[in-house]
Amino acid sequence: MFKLSAWKGYSLRMLAIVEIERSWLKSQHDNRVAKRIAQDSDDKKRITKDHALGQLILSDNEFKQIKEKLIIKDTELEGLRQILEIYTMQIEVVSREISRRALDVKLISRGIGGD
């Protein structure tokens, strides 16, 4: 059970690191989109976020790389969340089994039960 808890802790650490990296990429992404909207908008027309995203993807290779890295980080985050959920379920199962066995020992020592 201690190894499972250690792996869960390690997974939480990795999740935190990836979340920090994703947050940094997301802020770069959002800043570029906002900058593009501000540049392309004027008093008569206002462009949409989707339009600005499309224009950036077509014209800005650095933005394309940021977008690709952001997609990768999102995928890594989802994978780490699933791994964390698996470790959590395994720890809960082991914990229930330990509790059940401890109760069995207690009941047997009092002369109750015993399969």
N, C-alpha and C. Protein backbone atom coordinates (compact mmCIF):
# COMPACT_ATOMS: atom_id res chain seq x y z
N MET A 1 0.83 -1.19 0.00
CA MET A 1 0.00 0.00 0.00
C MET A 1 0.88 1.26 0.00
N PHE A 2 2.01 1.17 0.69
CA PHE A 2 2.90 2.34 0.74
C PHE A 2 3.47 2.65 -0.64
N LYS A 3 3.76 1.60 -1.42
CA LYS A 3 4.27 1.83 -2.77
C LYS A 3 3.21 2.50 -3.64
N LEU A 4 1.96 2.04 -3.48
CA LEU A 4 0.88 2.68 -4.25
C LEU A 4 0.75 4.15 -3.87
N SER A 5 0.86 4.43 -2.58
CA SER A 5 0.76 5.82 -2.13
C SER A 5 1.93 6.64 -2.66
N ALA A 6 3.10 6.04 -2.71
CA ALA A 6 4.28 6.74 -3.24
C ALA A 6 4.09 7.03 -4.72
N TRP A 7 3.57 6.06 -5.47
CA TRP A 7 3.33 6.28 -6.90
C TRP A 7 2.23 7.33 -7.10
N LYS A 8 1.24 7.32 -6.23
CA LYS A 8 0.20 8.35 -6.33
C LYS A 8 0.80 9.73 -6.08
N GLY A 9 1.66 9.83 -5.08
CA GLY A 9 2.33 11.10 -4.80
C GLY A 9 3.19 11.56 -5.97
N TYR A 10 3.90 10.62 -6.58
CA TYR A 10 4.72 10.94 -7.75
C TYR A 10 3.83 11.42 -8.90
N SER A 11 2.71 10.77 -9.09
CA SER A 11 1.77 11.17 -10.15
C SER A 11 1.23 12.57 -9.89
N LEU A 12 0.93 12.87 -8.62
CA LEU A 12 0.46 14.22 -8.28
C LEU A 12 1.53 15.27 -8.59
N ARG A 13 2.77 14.93 -8.30
CA ARG A 13 3.88 15.84 -8.59
C ARG A 13 3.98 16.08 -10.10
N MET A 14 3.92 15.00 -10.87
CA MET A 14 4.00 15.13 -12.33
C MET A 14 2.82 15.94 -12.86
N LEU A 15 1.64 15.71 -12.30
CA LEU A 15 0.44 16.45 -12.70
C LEU A 15 0.64 17.95 -12.45
N ALA A 16 1.18 18.28 -11.29
CA ALA A 16 1.41 19.69 -10.96
C ALA A 16 2.39 20.33 -11.94
N ILE A 17 3.46 19.62 -12.27
CA ILE A 17 4.46 20.16 -13.21
C ILE A 17 3.84 20.41 -14.58
N VAL A 18 3.06 19.45 -15.06
CA VAL A 18 2.44 19.60 -16.38
C VAL A 18 1.39 20.72 -16.36
N GLU A 19 0.67 20.86 -15.24
CA GLU A 19 -0.31 21.94 -15.14
C GLU A 19 0.37 23.31 -15.19
N ILE A 20 1.53 23.43 -14.55
CA ILE A 20 2.27 24.69 -14.59
C ILE A 20 2.72 24.99 -16.02
N GLU A 21 3.28 23.98 -16.70
CA GLU A 21 3.72 24.17 -18.09
C GLU A 21 2.55 24.54 -18.98
N ARG A 22 1.42 23.87 -18.79
CA ARG A 22 0.23 24.15 -19.60
C ARG A 22 -0.27 25.57 -19.35
N SER A 23 -0.25 25.98 -18.09
CA SER A 23 -0.71 27.32 -17.74
C SER A 23 0.14 28.38 -18.43
N TRP A 24 1.44 28.17 -18.45
CA TRP A 24 2.35 29.10 -19.11
C TRP A 24 2.07 29.16 -20.61
N LEU A 25 1.90 27.99 -21.24
CA LEU A 25 1.58 27.95 -22.67
C LEU A 25 0.24 28.61 -22.96
N LYS A 26 -0.74 28.35 -22.09
CA LYS A 26 -2.09 28.91 -22.28
C LYS A 26 -2.05 30.43 -22.21
N SER A 27 -1.25 30.98 -21.30
CA SER A 27 -1.17 32.44 -21.21
C SER A 27 -0.51 33.03 -22.46
N GLN A 28 0.51 32.35 -22.98
CA GLN A 28 1.13 32.81 -24.24
C GLN A 28 0.11 32.77 -25.37
N HIS A 29 -0.63 31.68 -25.44
CA HIS A 29 -1.66 31.50 -26.46
C HIS A 29 -2.70 32.61 -26.38
N ASP A 30 -3.24 32.83 -25.18
CA ASP A 30 -4.29 33.83 -25.01
C ASP A 30 -3.78 35.25 -25.30
N ASN A 31 -2.54 35.53 -24.91
CA ASN A 31 -1.97 36.85 -25.19
C ASN A 31 -1.85 37.11 -26.69
N ARG A 32 -1.41 36.10 -27.42
CA ARG A 32 -1.28 36.27 -28.88
C ARG A 32 -2.64 36.46 -29.54
N VAL A 33 -3.63 35.70 -29.08
CA VAL A 33 -4.99 35.84 -29.65
C VAL A 33 -5.53 37.23 -29.35
N ALA A 34 -5.38 37.68 -28.11
CA ALA A 34 -5.87 39.01 -27.74
C ALA A 34 -5.16 40.11 -28.54
N LYS A 35 -3.87 39.94 -28.71
CA LYS A 35 -3.09 40.92 -29.49
C LYS A 35 -3.58 40.96 -30.94
N ARG A 36 -3.85 39.78 -31.51
CA ARG A 36 -4.32 39.71 -32.89
C ARG A 36 -5.70 40.36 -33.03
N ILE A 37 -6.57 40.11 -32.07
CA ILE A 37 -7.91 40.71 -32.10
C ILE A 37 -7.79 42.23 -32.04
N ALA A 38 -6.91 42.71 -31.16
CA ALA A 38 -6.73 44.16 -31.03
C ALA A 38 -6.15 44.77 -32.30
N GLN A 39 -5.23 44.06 -32.94
CA GLN A 39 -4.61 44.58 -34.16
C GLN A 39 -5.59 44.62 -35.33
N ASP A 40 -6.40 43.59 -35.46
CA ASP A 40 -7.29 43.48 -36.62
C ASP A 40 -8.62 44.19 -36.45
N SER A 41 -8.96 44.55 -35.23
CA SER A 41 -10.23 45.23 -35.00
C SER A 41 -10.07 46.72 -35.22
N ASP A 42 -11.12 47.34 -35.69
CA ASP A 42 -11.15 48.79 -35.78
C ASP A 42 -12.53 49.26 -35.31
N ASP A 43 -12.79 50.52 -35.48
CA ASP A 43 -14.07 51.07 -34.99
C ASP A 43 -15.28 50.48 -35.70
N LYS A 44 -15.10 50.11 -36.96
CA LYS A 44 -16.24 49.66 -37.76
C LYS A 44 -16.50 48.16 -37.63
N LYS A 45 -15.44 47.38 -37.44
CA LYS A 45 -15.67 45.93 -37.37
C LYS A 45 -14.90 45.34 -36.20
N ARG A 46 -15.45 44.28 -35.70
CA ARG A 46 -14.83 43.57 -34.57
C ARG A 46 -14.67 42.11 -35.01
N ILE A 47 -13.46 41.58 -34.95
CA ILE A 47 -13.26 40.20 -35.38
C ILE A 47 -13.50 39.25 -34.21
N THR A 48 -13.85 38.03 -34.53
CA THR A 48 -14.12 37.04 -33.50
C THR A 48 -12.83 36.33 -33.09
N LYS A 49 -12.92 35.66 -31.97
CA LYS A 49 -11.77 34.89 -31.48
C LYS A 49 -11.42 33.78 -32.47
N ASP A 50 -12.43 33.13 -33.02
CA ASP A 50 -12.19 32.06 -33.99
C ASP A 50 -11.47 32.58 -35.22
N HIS A 51 -11.85 33.75 -35.69
CA HIS A 51 -11.19 34.36 -36.84
C HIS A 51 -9.72 34.66 -36.51
N ALA A 52 -9.50 35.22 -35.33
CA ALA A 52 -8.13 35.54 -34.92
C ALA A 52 -7.29 34.26 -34.79
N LEU A 53 -7.88 33.18 -34.24
CA LEU A 53 -7.17 31.90 -34.14
C LEU A 53 -6.78 31.39 -35.51
N GLY A 54 -7.72 31.42 -36.43
CA GLY A 54 -7.45 30.96 -37.79
C GLY A 54 -6.34 31.76 -38.45
N GLN A 55 -6.39 33.06 -38.31
CA GLN A 55 -5.36 33.92 -38.90
C GLN A 55 -3.99 33.64 -38.29
N LEU A 56 -3.96 33.45 -36.97
CA LEU A 56 -2.69 33.17 -36.31
C LEU A 56 -2.12 31.83 -36.75
N ILE A 57 -2.97 30.83 -36.86
CA ILE A 57 -2.50 29.50 -37.27
C ILE A 57 -1.94 29.56 -38.69
N LEU A 58 -2.59 30.32 -39.54
CA LEU A 58 -2.12 30.43 -40.92
C LEU A 58 -0.83 31.25 -41.06
N SER A 59 -0.68 32.28 -40.25
CA SER A 59 0.41 33.22 -40.50
C SER A 59 1.57 33.17 -39.50
N ASP A 60 1.36 32.59 -38.34
CA ASP A 60 2.37 32.67 -37.28
C ASP A 60 2.85 31.26 -36.89
N ASN A 61 4.05 30.90 -37.35
CA ASN A 61 4.59 29.57 -37.06
C ASN A 61 4.86 29.37 -35.57
N GLU A 62 5.28 30.42 -34.90
CA GLU A 62 5.54 30.31 -33.47
C GLU A 62 4.24 30.03 -32.71
N PHE A 63 3.16 30.69 -33.14
CA PHE A 63 1.86 30.43 -32.52
C PHE A 63 1.43 28.99 -32.76
N LYS A 64 1.69 28.50 -33.98
CA LYS A 64 1.36 27.12 -34.31
C LYS A 64 2.06 26.16 -33.36
N GLN A 65 3.32 26.43 -33.08
CA GLN A 65 4.09 25.58 -32.16
C GLN A 65 3.53 25.66 -30.74
N ILE A 66 3.14 26.85 -30.32
CA ILE A 66 2.53 27.00 -28.99
C ILE A 66 1.23 26.21 -28.93
N LYS A 67 0.43 26.31 -29.97
CA LYS A 67 -0.86 25.59 -30.02
C LYS A 67 -0.63 24.08 -29.97
N GLU A 68 0.36 23.58 -30.71
CA GLU A 68 0.66 22.14 -30.70
C GLU A 68 1.13 21.69 -29.32
N LYS A 69 2.00 22.48 -28.69
CA LYS A 69 2.47 22.14 -27.35
C LYS A 69 1.33 22.16 -26.34
N LEU A 70 0.41 23.09 -26.51
CA LEU A 70 -0.76 23.18 -25.63
C LEU A 70 -1.64 21.94 -25.77
N ILE A 71 -1.82 21.48 -26.98
CA ILE A 71 -2.60 20.26 -27.23
C ILE A 71 -1.91 19.07 -26.58
N ILE A 72 -0.60 18.98 -26.71
CA ILE A 72 0.17 17.88 -26.10
C ILE A 72 0.03 17.93 -24.58
N LYS A 73 0.15 19.11 -23.99
CA LYS A 73 0.03 19.25 -22.53
C LYS A 73 -1.36 18.85 -22.06
N ASP A 74 -2.39 19.24 -22.81
CA ASP A 74 -3.76 18.83 -22.46
C ASP A 74 -3.89 17.31 -22.45
N THR A 75 -3.28 16.67 -23.43
CA THR A 75 -3.32 15.21 -23.51
C THR A 75 -2.55 14.58 -22.35
N GLU A 76 -1.38 15.13 -22.04
CA GLU A 76 -0.60 14.63 -20.91
C GLU A 76 -1.38 14.78 -19.60
N LEU A 77 -2.04 15.93 -19.43
CA LEU A 77 -2.84 16.15 -18.22
C LEU A 77 -3.94 15.11 -18.08
N GLU A 78 -4.63 14.85 -19.17
CA GLU A 78 -5.71 13.86 -19.11
C GLU A 78 -5.17 12.48 -18.76
N GLY A 79 -4.04 12.11 -19.36
CA GLY A 79 -3.42 10.82 -19.05
C GLY A 79 -3.01 10.73 -17.59
N LEU A 80 -2.40 11.78 -17.07
CA LEU A 80 -1.98 11.78 -15.67
C LEU A 80 -3.18 11.73 -14.72
N ARG A 81 -4.25 12.41 -15.08
CA ARG A 81 -5.47 12.35 -14.24
C ARG A 81 -6.03 10.93 -14.21
N GLN A 82 -5.99 10.24 -15.34
CA GLN A 82 -6.46 8.85 -15.38
C GLN A 82 -5.57 7.95 -14.54
N ILE A 83 -4.25 8.13 -14.64
CA ILE A 83 -3.31 7.34 -13.83
C ILE A 83 -3.56 7.60 -12.35
N LEU A 84 -3.75 8.85 -11.99
CA LEU A 84 -4.02 9.22 -10.60
C LEU A 84 -5.31 8.55 -10.10
N GLU A 85 -6.32 8.51 -10.95
CA GLU A 85 -7.57 7.86 -10.58
C GLU A 85 -7.38 6.36 -10.36
N ILE A 86 -6.55 5.74 -11.19
CA ILE A 86 -6.26 4.31 -11.03
C ILE A 86 -5.57 4.05 -9.70
N TYR A 87 -4.54 4.85 -9.39
CA TYR A 87 -3.84 4.68 -8.11
C TYR A 87 -4.79 4.90 -6.93
N THR A 88 -5.66 5.90 -7.03
CA THR A 88 -6.61 6.18 -5.96
C THR A 88 -7.55 5.00 -5.75
N MET A 89 -8.06 4.42 -6.84
CA MET A 89 -8.95 3.26 -6.72
C MET A 89 -8.21 2.07 -6.11
N GLN A 90 -6.97 1.83 -6.54
CA GLN A 90 -6.20 0.71 -5.99
C GLN A 90 -5.94 0.89 -4.50
N ILE A 91 -5.61 2.10 -4.09
CA ILE A 91 -5.37 2.37 -2.67
C ILE A 91 -6.64 2.14 -1.86
N GLU A 92 -7.78 2.57 -2.38
CA GLU A 92 -9.05 2.37 -1.68
C GLU A 92 -9.38 0.89 -1.55
N VAL A 93 -9.13 0.11 -2.60
CA VAL A 93 -9.39 -1.33 -2.55
C VAL A 93 -8.50 -2.00 -1.51
N VAL A 94 -7.22 -1.68 -1.53
CA VAL A 94 -6.28 -2.28 -0.57
C VAL A 94 -6.67 -1.87 0.86
N SER A 95 -7.04 -0.63 1.03
CA SER A 95 -7.42 -0.13 2.35
C SER A 95 -8.65 -0.87 2.88
N ARG A 96 -9.64 -1.08 2.02
CA ARG A 96 -10.84 -1.83 2.44
C ARG A 96 -10.48 -3.27 2.81
N GLU A 97 -9.60 -3.88 2.04
CA GLU A 97 -9.20 -5.26 2.32
C GLU A 97 -8.45 -5.34 3.65
N ILE A 98 -7.57 -4.40 3.91
CA ILE A 98 -6.85 -4.39 5.19
C ILE A 98 -7.83 -4.23 6.34
N SER A 99 -8.80 -3.33 6.18
CA SER A 99 -9.81 -3.12 7.23
C SER A 99 -10.64 -4.38 7.44
N ARG A 100 -11.01 -5.05 6.35
CA ARG A 100 -11.81 -6.26 6.46
C ARG A 100 -11.04 -7.35 7.18
N ARG A 101 -9.78 -7.52 6.84
CA ARG A 101 -8.96 -8.55 7.49
C ARG A 101 -8.74 -8.24 8.96
N ALA A 102 -8.55 -6.97 9.29
CA ALA A 102 -8.39 -6.58 10.69
C ALA A 102 -9.66 -6.88 11.48
N LEU A 103 -10.80 -6.64 10.88
CA LEU A 103 -12.07 -6.94 11.54
C LEU A 103 -12.23 -8.45 11.72
N ASP A 104 -11.86 -9.23 10.71
CA ASP A 104 -11.91 -10.69 10.82
C ASP A 104 -11.06 -11.18 11.98
N VAL A 105 -9.85 -10.65 12.10
CA VAL A 105 -8.94 -11.05 13.19
C VAL A 105 -9.56 -10.70 14.53
N LYS A 106 -10.14 -9.52 14.63
CA LYS A 106 -10.76 -9.08 15.88
C LYS A 106 -11.94 -9.98 16.25
N LEU A 107 -12.78 -10.31 15.26
CA LEU A 107 -13.94 -11.16 15.51
C LEU A 107 -13.50 -12.57 15.90
N ILE A 108 -12.49 -13.12 15.24
CA ILE A 108 -11.99 -14.47 15.56
C ILE A 108 -11.42 -14.48 16.96
N SER A 109 -10.70 -13.44 17.35
CA SER A 109 -10.11 -13.40 18.69
C SER A 109 -11.18 -13.34 19.77
N ARG A 110 -12.37 -12.88 19.45
CA ARG A 110 -13.48 -12.84 20.41
C ARG A 110 -14.37 -14.07 20.28
N GLY A 111 -14.00 -14.96 19.39
CA GLY A 111 -14.76 -16.19 19.23
C GLY A 111 -15.97 -16.05 18.34
N ILE A 112 -16.02 -15.00 17.57
CA ILE A 112 -17.13 -14.77 16.66
C ILE A 112 -16.62 -14.94 15.24
N GLY A 113 -17.36 -15.59 14.41
CA GLY A 113 -17.00 -15.72 13.01
C GLY A 113 -15.92 -16.76 12.83
N GLY A 114 -15.17 -16.57 11.82
CA GLY A 114 -14.14 -17.54 11.46
C GLY A 114 -14.66 -18.44 10.36
N ASP A 115 -14.29 -18.17 9.17
CA ASP A 115 -14.83 -18.90 8.00
C ASP A 115 -14.36 -20.28 7.97
